[in-house]
Amino acid sequence: MTSAQRSSLLSEVPALQEEGLKEFDVSSWFALFAPAGTPRDVVAMLNSEVVKAAAMPEARQKLAPLGMEPASSSSDQLRQLVQSQQPNGKS
């Protein structure tokens, strides 16, 4: 596994970090973005609905054959992730 952690889909396969490549983390992610200036209550409602959808067994079953594991975060956590992925640490 090239991500920082083992996948629950292949829990017997160790992550490369477990094999000694401590700085190695190659993973992909998808996110839902709203236009700048979207009211916080609308962002919160959208986030709540996406979290519910990602937790649905049907969603997990459809994504598992693609090697995808749904996860969710807050808009602030997403912002931090996006910033951490930028070459200069800013978005």
PDB file of N, CA and C in Angstrom:
ATOM      1  N   MET A   1       0.848  -1.178   0.000  1.00  0.00           N
ATOM      2  CA  MET A   1       0.000   0.000   0.000  1.00  0.00           C
ATOM      3  C   MET A   1       0.889   1.236   0.000  1.00  0.00           C
ATOM      4  N   THR A   2       0.574   2.152  -0.877  1.00  0.00           N
ATOM      5  CA  THR A   2       1.398   3.360  -0.968  1.00  0.00           C
ATOM      6  C   THR A   2       0.891   4.484  -0.070  1.00  0.00           C
ATOM      7  N   SER A   3      -0.273   4.314   0.529  1.00  0.00           N
ATOM      8  CA  SER A   3      -0.784   5.330   1.442  1.00  0.00           C
ATOM      9  C   SER A   3      -0.112   5.169   2.806  1.00  0.00           C
ATOM     10  N   ALA A   4      -0.329   6.130   3.672  1.00  0.00           N
ATOM     11  CA  ALA A   4       0.321   6.116   4.982  1.00  0.00           C
ATOM     12  C   ALA A   4      -0.190   4.985   5.875  1.00  0.00           C
ATOM     13  N   GLN A   5      -1.392   4.508   5.618  1.00  0.00           N
ATOM     14  CA  GLN A   5      -1.990   3.469   6.452  1.00  0.00           C
ATOM     15  C   GLN A   5      -2.454   2.301   5.595  1.00  0.00           C
ATOM     16  N   ARG A   6      -2.644   1.182   6.227  1.00  0.00           N
ATOM     17  CA  ARG A   6      -3.198   0.020   5.524  1.00  0.00           C
ATOM     18  C   ARG A   6      -4.627   0.313   5.083  1.00  0.00           C
ATOM     19  N   SER A   7      -5.011  -0.307   4.011  1.00  0.00           N
ATOM     20  CA  SER A   7      -6.382  -0.207   3.530  1.00  0.00           C
ATOM     21  C   SER A   7      -7.218  -1.264   4.225  1.00  0.00           C
ATOM     22  N   SER A   8      -8.432  -0.916   4.599  1.00  0.00           N
ATOM     23  CA  SER A   8      -9.317  -1.924   5.183  1.00  0.00           C
ATOM     24  C   SER A   8      -9.735  -2.946   4.129  1.00  0.00           C
ATOM     25  N   LEU A   9      -9.580  -2.585   2.852  1.00  0.00           N
ATOM     26  CA  LEU A   9      -9.918  -3.508   1.771  1.00  0.00           C
ATOM     27  C   LEU A   9      -8.848  -4.584   1.600  1.00  0.00           C
ATOM     28  N   LEU A  10      -7.617  -4.281   1.998  1.00  0.00           N
ATOM     29  CA  LEU A  10      -6.492  -5.223   1.906  1.00  0.00           C
ATOM     30  C   LEU A  10      -5.686  -5.139   3.203  1.00  0.00           C
ATOM     31  N   SER A  11      -6.335  -5.430   4.293  1.00  0.00           N
ATOM     32  CA  SER A  11      -5.717  -5.221   5.604  1.00  0.00           C
ATOM     33  C   SER A  11      -4.474  -6.066   5.840  1.00  0.00           C
ATOM     34  N   GLU A  12      -4.294  -7.138   5.067  1.00  0.00           N
ATOM     35  CA  GLU A  12      -3.111  -7.987   5.243  1.00  0.00           C
ATOM     36  C   GLU A  12      -1.885  -7.422   4.531  1.00  0.00           C
ATOM     37  N   VAL A  13      -2.076  -6.413   3.668  1.00  0.00           N
ATOM     38  CA  VAL A  13      -0.964  -5.817   2.932  1.00  0.00           C
ATOM     39  C   VAL A  13      -0.425  -4.619   3.719  1.00  0.00           C
ATOM     40  N   PRO A  14       0.835  -4.661   4.127  1.00  0.00           N
ATOM     41  CA  PRO A  14       1.382  -3.544   4.917  1.00  0.00           C
ATOM     42  C   PRO A  14       1.573  -2.292   4.064  1.00  0.00           C
ATOM     43  N   ALA A  15       1.456  -1.167   4.712  1.00  0.00           N
ATOM     44  CA  ALA A  15       1.767   0.107   4.059  1.00  0.00           C
ATOM     45  C   ALA A  15       3.284   0.213   3.930  1.00  0.00           C
ATOM     46  N   LEU A  16       3.750   0.934   2.924  1.00  0.00           N
ATOM     47  CA  LEU A  16       5.191   1.065   2.731  1.00  0.00           C
ATOM     48  C   LEU A  16       5.868   1.719   3.933  1.00  0.00           C
ATOM     49  N   GLN A  17       5.148   2.576   4.659  1.00  0.00           N
ATOM     50  CA  GLN A  17       5.724   3.174   5.862  1.00  0.00           C
ATOM     51  C   GLN A  17       6.056   2.098   6.898  1.00  0.00           C
ATOM     52  N   GLU A  18       5.224   1.070   6.949  1.00  0.00           N
ATOM     53  CA  GLU A  18       5.502  -0.042   7.863  1.00  0.00           C
ATOM     54  C   GLU A  18       6.738  -0.824   7.430  1.00  0.00           C
ATOM     55  N   GLU A  19       7.062  -0.742   6.160  1.00  0.00           N
ATOM     56  CA  GLU A  19       8.205  -1.458   5.607  1.00  0.00           C
ATOM     57  C   GLU A  19       9.478  -0.621   5.633  1.00  0.00           C
ATOM     58  N   GLY A  20       9.412   0.547   6.272  1.00  0.00           N
ATOM     59  CA  GLY A  20      10.617   1.351   6.455  1.00  0.00           C
ATOM     60  C   GLY A  20      10.694   2.630   5.650  1.00  0.00           C
ATOM     61  N   LEU A  21       9.779   2.856   4.740  1.00  0.00           N
ATOM     62  CA  LEU A  21       9.784   4.100   3.963  1.00  0.00           C
ATOM     63  C   LEU A  21       8.921   5.134   4.689  1.00  0.00           C
ATOM     64  N   LYS A  22       9.478   5.713   5.739  1.00  0.00           N
ATOM     65  CA  LYS A  22       8.711   6.550   6.677  1.00  0.00           C
ATOM     66  C   LYS A  22       8.072   7.793   6.052  1.00  0.00           C
ATOM     67  N   GLU A  23       8.682   8.368   5.043  1.00  0.00           N
ATOM     68  CA  GLU A  23       8.146   9.595   4.437  1.00  0.00           C
ATOM     69  C   GLU A  23       7.248   9.310   3.236  1.00  0.00           C
ATOM     70  N   PHE A  24       7.003   8.059   2.930  1.00  0.00           N
ATOM     71  CA  PHE A  24       6.283   7.690   1.712  1.00  0.00           C
ATOM     72  C   PHE A  24       4.777   7.686   1.947  1.00  0.00           C
ATOM     73  N   ASP A  25       4.072   8.493   1.181  1.00  0.00           N
ATOM     74  CA  ASP A  25       2.606   8.521   1.249  1.00  0.00           C
ATOM     75  C   ASP A  25       2.086   9.003  -0.099  1.00  0.00           C
ATOM     76  N   VAL A  26       1.629   8.062  -0.897  1.00  0.00           N
ATOM     77  CA  VAL A  26       1.031   8.403  -2.187  1.00  0.00           C
ATOM     78  C   VAL A  26      -0.399   7.893  -2.155  1.00  0.00           C
ATOM     79  N   SER A  27      -1.315   8.810  -2.140  1.00  0.00           N
ATOM     80  CA  SER A  27      -2.724   8.438  -2.124  1.00  0.00           C
ATOM     81  C   SER A  27      -3.500   9.467  -2.932  1.00  0.00           C
ATOM     82  N   SER A  28      -4.697   9.114  -3.307  1.00  0.00           N
ATOM     83  CA  SER A  28      -5.543  10.054  -4.035  1.00  0.00           C
ATOM     84  C   SER A  28      -6.813  10.284  -3.236  1.00  0.00           C
ATOM     85  N   TRP A  29      -7.435  11.394  -3.504  1.00  0.00           N
ATOM     86  CA  TRP A  29      -8.664  11.725  -2.803  1.00  0.00           C
ATOM     87  C   TRP A  29      -9.541  12.569  -3.724  1.00  0.00           C
ATOM     88  N   PHE A  30     -10.805  12.592  -3.392  1.00  0.00           N
ATOM     89  CA  PHE A  30     -11.784  13.382  -4.113  1.00  0.00           C
ATOM     90  C   PHE A  30     -12.522  14.219  -3.087  1.00  0.00           C
ATOM     91  N   ALA A  31     -12.963  15.392  -3.478  1.00  0.00           N
ATOM     92  CA  ALA A  31     -13.660  16.270  -2.540  1.00  0.00           C
ATOM     93  C   ALA A  31     -14.743  17.047  -3.267  1.00  0.00           C
ATOM     94  N   LEU A  32     -15.680  17.516  -2.501  1.00  0.00           N
ATOM     95  CA  LEU A  32     -16.745  18.369  -3.001  1.00  0.00           C
ATOM     96  C   LEU A  32     -16.414  19.795  -2.553  1.00  0.00           C
ATOM     97  N   PHE A  33     -16.332  20.713  -3.505  1.00  0.00           N
ATOM     98  CA  PHE A  33     -16.025  22.108  -3.205  1.00  0.00           C
ATOM     99  C   PHE A  33     -17.226  22.978  -3.536  1.00  0.00           C
ATOM    100  N   ALA A  34     -17.406  24.033  -2.764  1.00  0.00           N
ATOM    101  CA  ALA A  34     -18.454  25.019  -3.020  1.00  0.00           C
ATOM    102  C   ALA A  34     -17.769  26.327  -3.419  1.00  0.00           C
ATOM    103  N   PRO A  35     -18.484  27.176  -4.129  1.00  0.00           N
ATOM    104  CA  PRO A  35     -17.876  28.457  -4.522  1.00  0.00           C
ATOM    105  C   PRO A  35     -17.472  29.293  -3.305  1.00  0.00           C
ATOM    106  N   ALA A  36     -16.433  30.088  -3.478  1.00  0.00           N
ATOM    107  CA  ALA A  36     -16.021  31.015  -2.420  1.00  0.00           C
ATOM    108  C   ALA A  36     -17.216  31.882  -2.037  1.00  0.00           C
ATOM    109  N   GLY A  37     -17.370  32.125  -0.761  1.00  0.00           N
ATOM    110  CA  GLY A  37     -18.458  32.967  -0.285  1.00  0.00           C
ATOM    111  C   GLY A  37     -19.747  32.217   0.015  1.00  0.00           C
ATOM    112  N   THR A  38     -19.748  30.898  -0.188  1.00  0.00           N
ATOM    113  CA  THR A  38     -20.940  30.116   0.153  1.00  0.00           C
ATOM    114  C   THR A  38     -21.173  30.234   1.652  1.00  0.00           C
ATOM    115  N   PRO A  39     -22.384  30.538   2.077  1.00  0.00           N
ATOM    116  CA  PRO A  39     -22.651  30.685   3.510  1.00  0.00           C
ATOM    117  C   PRO A  39     -22.258  29.435   4.303  1.00  0.00           C
ATOM    118  N   ARG A  40     -21.699  29.666   5.491  1.00  0.00           N
ATOM    119  CA  ARG A  40     -21.218  28.559   6.316  1.00  0.00           C
ATOM    120  C   ARG A  40     -22.310  27.546   6.644  1.00  0.00           C
ATOM    121  N   ASP A  41     -23.543  28.013   6.835  1.00  0.00           N
ATOM    122  CA  ASP A  41     -24.613  27.066   7.152  1.00  0.00           C
ATOM    123  C   ASP A  41     -24.909  26.158   5.958  1.00  0.00           C
ATOM    124  N   VAL A  42     -24.759  26.666   4.741  1.00  0.00           N
ATOM    125  CA  VAL A  42     -24.954  25.846   3.543  1.00  0.00           C
ATOM    126  C   VAL A  42     -23.816  24.831   3.430  1.00  0.00           C
ATOM    127  N   VAL A  43     -22.585  25.276   3.684  1.00  0.00           N
ATOM    128  CA  VAL A  43     -21.428  24.372   3.660  1.00  0.00           C
ATOM    129  C   VAL A  43     -21.615  23.271   4.700  1.00  0.00           C
ATOM    130  N   ALA A  44     -22.075  23.640   5.893  1.00  0.00           N
ATOM    131  CA  ALA A  44     -22.286  22.658   6.961  1.00  0.00           C
ATOM    132  C   ALA A  44     -23.360  21.642   6.575  1.00  0.00           C
ATOM    133  N   MET A  45     -24.432  22.110   5.943  1.00  0.00           N
ATOM    134  CA  MET A  45     -25.506  21.208   5.527  1.00  0.00           C
ATOM    135  C   MET A  45     -25.010  20.251   4.446  1.00  0.00           C
ATOM    136  N   LEU A  46     -24.290  20.778   3.459  1.00  0.00           N
ATOM    137  CA  LEU A  46     -23.736  19.927   2.404  1.00  0.00           C
ATOM    138  C   LEU A  46     -22.781  18.893   2.989  1.00  0.00           C
ATOM    139  N   ASN A  47     -21.921  19.327   3.907  1.00  0.00           N
ATOM    140  CA  ASN A  47     -20.976  18.409   4.537  1.00  0.00           C
ATOM    141  C   ASN A  47     -21.715  17.308   5.284  1.00  0.00           C
ATOM    142  N   SER A  48     -22.751  17.669   6.004  1.00  0.00           N
ATOM    143  CA  SER A  48     -23.520  16.691   6.762  1.00  0.00           C
ATOM    144  C   SER A  48     -24.130  15.630   5.837  1.00  0.00           C
ATOM    145  N   GLU A  49     -24.659  16.063   4.715  1.00  0.00           N
ATOM    146  CA  GLU A  49     -25.277  15.132   3.772  1.00  0.00           C
ATOM    147  C   GLU A  49     -24.237  14.235   3.088  1.00  0.00           C
ATOM    148  N   VAL A  50     -23.080  14.786   2.781  1.00  0.00           N
ATOM    149  CA  VAL A  50     -22.018  13.982   2.173  1.00  0.00           C
ATOM    150  C   VAL A  50     -21.509  12.941   3.168  1.00  0.00           C
ATOM    151  N   VAL A  51     -21.358  13.330   4.425  1.00  0.00           N
ATOM    152  CA  VAL A  51     -20.933  12.384   5.471  1.00  0.00           C
ATOM    153  C   VAL A  51     -21.939  11.233   5.565  1.00  0.00           C
ATOM    154  N   LYS A  52     -23.228  11.553   5.553  1.00  0.00           N
ATOM    155  CA  LYS A  52     -24.264  10.513   5.605  1.00  0.00           C
ATOM    156  C   LYS A  52     -24.170   9.584   4.395  1.00  0.00           C
ATOM    157  N   ALA A  53     -24.004  10.170   3.218  1.00  0.00           N
ATOM    158  CA  ALA A  53     -23.931   9.365   1.993  1.00  0.00           C
ATOM    159  C   ALA A  53     -22.700   8.462   2.007  1.00  0.00           C
ATOM    160  N   ALA A  54     -21.574   8.987   2.458  1.00  0.00           N
ATOM    161  CA  ALA A  54     -20.334   8.205   2.489  1.00  0.00           C
ATOM    162  C   ALA A  54     -20.422   7.042   3.466  1.00  0.00           C
ATOM    163  N   ALA A  55     -21.254   7.175   4.467  1.00  0.00           N
ATOM    164  CA  ALA A  55     -21.400   6.118   5.474  1.00  0.00           C
ATOM    165  C   ALA A  55     -22.383   5.030   5.048  1.00  0.00           C
ATOM    166  N   MET A  56     -23.113   5.255   3.987  1.00  0.00           N
ATOM    167  CA  MET A  56     -24.115   4.277   3.545  1.00  0.00           C
ATOM    168  C   MET A  56     -23.439   3.007   3.033  1.00  0.00           C
ATOM    169  N   PRO A  57     -23.923   1.848   3.472  1.00  0.00           N
ATOM    170  CA  PRO A  57     -23.342   0.589   2.994  1.00  0.00           C
ATOM    171  C   PRO A  57     -23.350   0.474   1.474  1.00  0.00           C
ATOM    172  N   GLU A  58     -24.387   0.991   0.838  1.00  0.00           N
ATOM    173  CA  GLU A  58     -24.474   0.912  -0.617  1.00  0.00           C
ATOM    174  C   GLU A  58     -23.319   1.671  -1.276  1.00  0.00           C
ATOM    175  N   ALA A  59     -22.982   2.829  -0.729  1.00  0.00           N
ATOM    176  CA  ALA A  59     -21.877   3.629  -1.276  1.00  0.00           C
ATOM    177  C   ALA A  59     -20.565   2.878  -1.105  1.00  0.00           C
ATOM    178  N   ARG A  60     -20.353   2.327   0.072  1.00  0.00           N
ATOM    179  CA  ARG A  60     -19.124   1.586   0.338  1.00  0.00           C
ATOM    180  C   ARG A  60     -19.011   0.368  -0.582  1.00  0.00           C
ATOM    181  N   GLN A  61     -20.127  -0.322  -0.808  1.00  0.00           N
ATOM    182  CA  GLN A  61     -20.111  -1.507  -1.674  1.00  0.00           C
ATOM    183  C   GLN A  61     -19.798  -1.144  -3.124  1.00  0.00           C
ATOM    184  N   LYS A  62     -20.290  -0.006  -3.582  1.00  0.00           N
ATOM    185  CA  LYS A  62     -20.036   0.417  -4.963  1.00  0.00           C
ATOM    186  C   LYS A  62     -18.592   0.884  -5.152  1.00  0.00           C
ATOM    187  N   LEU A  63     -18.025   1.500  -4.125  1.00  0.00           N
ATOM    188  CA  LEU A  63     -16.678   2.049  -4.242  1.00  0.00           C
ATOM    189  C   LEU A  63     -15.587   1.014  -3.973  1.00  0.00           C
ATOM    190  N   ALA A  64     -15.877  -0.003  -3.178  1.00  0.00           N
ATOM    191  CA  ALA A  64     -14.867  -1.005  -2.809  1.00  0.00           C
ATOM    192  C   ALA A  64     -14.221  -1.675  -4.014  1.00  0.00           C
ATOM    193  N   PRO A  65     -14.968  -2.100  -5.047  1.00  0.00           N
ATOM    194  CA  PRO A  65     -14.306  -2.726  -6.200  1.00  0.00           C
ATOM    195  C   PRO A  65     -13.345  -1.792  -6.939  1.00  0.00           C
ATOM    196  N   LEU A  66     -13.497  -0.494  -6.719  1.00  0.00           N
ATOM    197  CA  LEU A  66     -12.609   0.493  -7.333  1.00  0.00           C
ATOM    198  C   LEU A  66     -11.398   0.787  -6.439  1.00  0.00           C
ATOM    199  N   GLY A  67     -11.337   0.099  -5.287  1.00  0.00           N
ATOM    200  CA  GLY A  67     -10.247   0.336  -4.345  1.00  0.00           C
ATOM    201  C   GLY A  67     -10.409   1.616  -3.555  1.00  0.00           C
ATOM    202  N   MET A  68     -11.637   2.113  -3.485  1.00  0.00           N
ATOM    203  CA  MET A  68     -11.899   3.386  -2.807  1.00  0.00           C
ATOM    204  C   MET A  68     -12.597   3.153  -1.479  1.00  0.00           C
ATOM    205  N   GLU A  69     -12.161   3.890  -0.480  1.00  0.00           N
ATOM    206  CA  GLU A  69     -12.775   3.841   0.845  1.00  0.00           C
ATOM    207  C   GLU A  69     -13.290   5.232   1.190  1.00  0.00           C
ATOM    208  N   PRO A  70     -14.597   5.421   1.288  1.00  0.00           N
ATOM    209  CA  PRO A  70     -15.123   6.744   1.618  1.00  0.00           C
ATOM    210  C   PRO A  70     -14.648   7.210   2.986  1.00  0.00           C
ATOM    211  N   ALA A  71     -14.291   8.464   3.038  1.00  0.00           N
ATOM    212  CA  ALA A  71     -13.912   9.113   4.293  1.00  0.00           C
ATOM    213  C   ALA A  71     -14.477  10.519   4.238  1.00  0.00           C
ATOM    214  N   SER A  72     -14.639  11.123   5.363  1.00  0.00           N
ATOM    215  CA  SER A  72     -15.172  12.482   5.379  1.00  0.00           C
ATOM    216  C   SER A  72     -14.390  13.326   6.372  1.00  0.00           C
ATOM    217  N   SER A  73     -14.524  14.630   6.199  1.00  0.00           N
ATOM    218  CA  SER A  73     -13.849  15.571   7.082  1.00  0.00           C
ATOM    219  C   SER A  73     -14.652  16.856   7.114  1.00  0.00           C
ATOM    220  N   SER A  74     -14.216  17.765   7.932  1.00  0.00           N
ATOM    221  CA  SER A  74     -14.852  19.080   7.968  1.00  0.00           C
ATOM    222  C   SER A  74     -14.260  19.947   6.862  1.00  0.00           C
ATOM    223  N   SER A  75     -14.892  21.079   6.601  1.00  0.00           N
ATOM    224  CA  SER A  75     -14.352  21.981   5.583  1.00  0.00           C
ATOM    225  C   SER A  75     -12.977  22.508   6.001  1.00  0.00           C
ATOM    226  N   ASP A  76     -12.763  22.712   7.285  1.00  0.00           N
ATOM    227  CA  ASP A  76     -11.450  23.162   7.758  1.00  0.00           C
ATOM    228  C   ASP A  76     -10.393  22.081   7.551  1.00  0.00           C
ATOM    229  N   GLN A  77     -10.743  20.827   7.802  1.00  0.00           N
ATOM    230  CA  GLN A  77      -9.800  19.732   7.577  1.00  0.00           C
ATOM    231  C   GLN A  77      -9.468  19.601   6.090  1.00  0.00           C
ATOM    232  N   LEU A  78     -10.472  19.772   5.226  1.00  0.00           N
ATOM    233  CA  LEU A  78     -10.228  19.723   3.792  1.00  0.00           C
ATOM    234  C   LEU A  78      -9.301  20.861   3.379  1.00  0.00           C
ATOM    235  N   ARG A  79      -9.538  22.048   3.898  1.00  0.00           N
ATOM    236  CA  ARG A  79      -8.684  23.193   3.585  1.00  0.00           C
ATOM    237  C   ARG A  79      -7.237  22.891   3.971  1.00  0.00           C
ATOM    238  N   GLN A  80      -7.034  22.304   5.156  1.00  0.00           N
ATOM    239  CA  GLN A  80      -5.685  21.951   5.598  1.00  0.00           C
ATOM    240  C   GLN A  80      -5.055  20.916   4.678  1.00  0.00           C
ATOM    241  N   LEU A  81      -5.834  19.928   4.250  1.00  0.00           N
ATOM    242  CA  LEU A  81      -5.323  18.907   3.339  1.00  0.00           C
ATOM    243  C   LEU A  81      -4.895  19.539   2.023  1.00  0.00           C
ATOM    244  N   VAL A  82      -5.746  20.378   1.454  1.00  0.00           N
ATOM    245  CA  VAL A  82      -5.429  21.022   0.185  1.00  0.00           C
ATOM    246  C   VAL A  82      -4.161  21.855   0.325  1.00  0.00           C
ATOM    247  N   GLN A  83      -4.054  22.618   1.404  1.00  0.00           N
ATOM    248  CA  GLN A  83      -2.862  23.443   1.621  1.00  0.00           C
ATOM    249  C   GLN A  83      -1.610  22.580   1.777  1.00  0.00           C
ATOM    250  N   SER A  84      -1.738  21.461   2.450  1.00  0.00           N
ATOM    251  CA  SER A  84      -0.577  20.586   2.657  1.00  0.00           C
ATOM    252  C   SER A  84      -0.096  19.962   1.354  1.00  0.00           C
ATOM    253  N   GLN A  85      -0.958  19.896   0.354  1.00  0.00           N
ATOM    254  CA  GLN A  85      -0.619  19.290  -0.918  1.00  0.00           C
ATOM    255  C   GLN A  85      -0.003  20.279  -1.903  1.00  0.00           C
ATOM    256  N   GLN A  86      -0.037  21.557  -1.563  1.00  0.00           N
ATOM    257  CA  GLN A  86       0.506  22.590  -2.441  1.00  0.00           C
ATOM    258  C   GLN A  86       2.024  22.676  -2.265  1.00  0.00           C
ATOM    259  N   PRO A  87       2.766  22.906  -3.347  1.00  0.00           N
ATOM    260  CA  PRO A  87       4.226  22.972  -3.251  1.00  0.00           C
ATOM    261  C   PRO A  87       4.729  23.993  -2.238  1.00  0.00           C
ATOM    262  N   ASN A  88       4.034  25.119  -2.124  1.00  0.00           N
ATOM    263  CA  ASN A  88       4.478  26.158  -1.190  1.00  0.00           C
ATOM    264  C   ASN A  88       3.683  26.137   0.116  1.00  0.00           C
ATOM    265  N   GLY A  89       2.819  25.120   0.286  1.00  0.00           N
ATOM    266  CA  GLY A  89       2.030  24.982   1.512  1.00  0.00           C
ATOM    267  C   GLY A  89       0.848  25.915   1.598  1.00  0.00           C
ATOM    268  N   LYS A  90       0.519  26.607   0.519  1.00  0.00           N
ATOM    269  CA  LYS A  90      -0.608  27.541   0.511  1.00  0.00           C
ATOM    270  C   LYS A  90      -1.517  27.241  -0.659  1.00  0.00           C
ATOM    271  N   SER A  91      -2.773  27.628  -0.522  1.00  0.00           N
ATOM    272  CA  SER A  91      -3.687  27.459  -1.654  1.00  0.00           C
ATOM    273  C   SER A  91      -4.152  28.807  -2.131  1.00  0.00           C
TER     274      SER A  91
END
